[in-house]
Amino acid sequence: MLECTHHGVGFSRQSHLGVPNKKIEIYLKMPGASEQPLTITVITTATVGQTIGLACWKYTNLGRQPELV
C-alpha cells in the first residue's frame, strides 16, 4: 500500500476502514493530458492543500504526461 503523509495527515491509495473518506475524480484540462480522470481518495478532514498535494503526488507517481514542473 503506497502512502503519502503531509502535515501529519495520512493518505492512502486504499480506503482506511472506519474513517470517513471521499473519492474525487479530477479531469485535467491541459494539452497532452489523458482524458481519463485522476481518481484519489482522501479522508474527509483533509484540507484543500493536502488534497492538491496528494493529487500532484499521484499524477507524478503514475508517470502521467505532461510532467508537472
C-alpha atoms as a PDB file:
ATOM      1  CA  MET A   1       0.000   0.000   0.000  1.00  0.00           C
ATOM      2  CA  LEU A   2       1.524   3.317  -1.067  1.00  0.00           C
ATOM      3  CA  GLU A   3       1.065   6.174   1.350  1.00  0.00           C
ATOM      4  CA  CYS A   4       1.755   9.871   1.392  1.00  0.00           C
ATOM      5  CA  THR A   5       1.853  11.883   4.602  1.00  0.00           C
ATOM      6  CA  HIS A   6       1.576  15.654   4.563  1.00  0.00           C
ATOM      7  CA  HIS A   7       1.382  17.789   7.708  1.00  0.00           C
ATOM      8  CA  GLY A   8       0.610  14.778   9.887  1.00  0.00           C
ATOM      9  CA  VAL A   9      -2.442  13.613   7.921  1.00  0.00           C
ATOM     10  CA  GLY A  10      -2.101  10.231   6.231  1.00  0.00           C
ATOM     11  CA  PHE A  11      -3.419   9.390   2.789  1.00  0.00           C
ATOM     12  CA  SER A  12      -3.529   6.068   1.051  1.00  0.00           C
ATOM     13  CA  ARG A  13      -4.443   4.552  -2.287  1.00  0.00           C
ATOM     14  CA  GLN A  14      -6.801   2.341  -0.297  1.00  0.00           C
ATOM     15  CA  SER A  15      -9.599   3.434   1.993  1.00  0.00           C
ATOM     16  CA  HIS A  16      -8.960   3.317   5.717  1.00  0.00           C
ATOM     17  CA  LEU A  17     -11.552   1.140   7.421  1.00  0.00           C
ATOM     18  CA  GLY A  18     -13.908   3.144   9.622  1.00  0.00           C
ATOM     19  CA  VAL A  19     -12.519   6.536   8.576  1.00  0.00           C
ATOM     20  CA  PRO A  20     -14.900   8.763   6.573  1.00  0.00           C
ATOM     21  CA  ASN A  21     -13.423   9.493   3.160  1.00  0.00           C
ATOM     22  CA  LYS A  22     -14.278  10.976  -0.226  1.00  0.00           C
ATOM     23  CA  LYS A  23     -13.493   9.720  -3.702  1.00  0.00           C
ATOM     24  CA  ILE A  24     -12.618  12.588  -6.039  1.00  0.00           C
ATOM     25  CA  GLU A  25     -12.284  12.365  -9.812  1.00  0.00           C
ATOM     26  CA  ILE A  26     -10.125  15.114 -11.302  1.00  0.00           C
ATOM     27  CA  TYR A  27     -10.465  15.884 -15.006  1.00  0.00           C
ATOM     28  CA  LEU A  28      -7.311  17.642 -16.180  1.00  0.00           C
ATOM     29  CA  LYS A  29      -7.738  20.243 -18.901  1.00  0.00           C
ATOM     30  CA  MET A  30      -4.253  20.731 -20.280  1.00  0.00           C
ATOM     31  CA  PRO A  31      -2.668  19.922 -23.637  1.00  0.00           C
ATOM     32  CA  GLY A  32      -1.426  16.349 -23.838  1.00  0.00           C
ATOM     33  CA  ALA A  33      -3.218  15.173 -20.681  1.00  0.00           C
ATOM     34  CA  SER A  34      -5.143  11.913 -20.627  1.00  0.00           C
ATOM     35  CA  GLU A  35      -8.910  12.166 -20.938  1.00  0.00           C
ATOM     36  CA  GLN A  36      -9.200   9.639 -18.097  1.00  0.00           C
ATOM     37  CA  PRO A  37      -9.805  11.253 -14.709  1.00  0.00           C
ATOM     38  CA  LEU A  38      -7.234  11.115 -11.949  1.00  0.00           C
ATOM     39  CA  THR A  39      -9.060   9.436  -9.069  1.00  0.00           C
ATOM     40  CA  ILE A  40      -7.968   9.979  -5.470  1.00  0.00           C
ATOM     41  CA  THR A  41      -9.489   9.053  -2.125  1.00  0.00           C
ATOM     42  CA  VAL A  42      -8.961  11.421   0.803  1.00  0.00           C
ATOM     43  CA  ILE A  43     -10.170  11.454   4.369  1.00  0.00           C
ATOM     44  CA  THR A  44     -12.971  13.961   4.916  1.00  0.00           C
ATOM     45  CA  THR A  45     -10.846  16.121   7.215  1.00  0.00           C
ATOM     46  CA  ALA A  46      -8.147  16.676   4.561  1.00  0.00           C
ATOM     47  CA  THR A  47      -7.501  20.308   3.703  1.00  0.00           C
ATOM     48  CA  VAL A  48      -7.525  21.712   0.169  1.00  0.00           C
ATOM     49  CA  GLY A  49      -3.729  21.917   0.237  1.00  0.00           C
ATOM     50  CA  GLN A  50      -3.394  18.288   1.327  1.00  0.00           C
ATOM     51  CA  THR A  51      -5.819  17.181  -1.384  1.00  0.00           C
ATOM     52  CA  ILE A  52      -3.915  19.113  -4.075  1.00  0.00           C
ATOM     53  CA  GLY A  53      -0.633  17.673  -2.786  1.00  0.00           C
ATOM     54  CA  LEU A  54      -1.981  14.123  -2.972  1.00  0.00           C
ATOM     55  CA  ALA A  55      -3.316  14.713  -6.498  1.00  0.00           C
ATOM     56  CA  CYS A  56       0.071  16.052  -7.654  1.00  0.00           C
ATOM     57  CA  TRP A  57       1.896  13.168  -5.980  1.00  0.00           C
ATOM     58  CA  LYS A  58      -0.371  10.554  -7.572  1.00  0.00           C
ATOM     59  CA  TYR A  59      -0.170  12.229 -11.021  1.00  0.00           C
ATOM     60  CA  THR A  60       3.648  12.174 -10.835  1.00  0.00           C
ATOM     61  CA  ASN A  61       3.818   8.670  -9.337  1.00  0.00           C
ATOM     62  CA  LEU A  62       1.668   7.290 -12.179  1.00  0.00           C
ATOM     63  CA  GLY A  63       4.028   8.865 -14.724  1.00  0.00           C
ATOM     64  CA  ARG A  64       1.274  10.878 -16.372  1.00  0.00           C
ATOM     65  CA  GLN A  65       2.118  13.339 -19.113  1.00  0.00           C
ATOM     66  CA  PRO A  66       2.755  16.198 -19.451  1.00  0.00           C
ATOM     67  CA  GLU A  67       5.140  16.287 -16.496  1.00  0.00           C
ATOM     68  CA  LEU A  68       4.393  18.698 -13.680  1.00  0.00           C
ATOM     69  CA  VAL A  69       7.023  21.398 -13.250  1.00  0.00           C
END
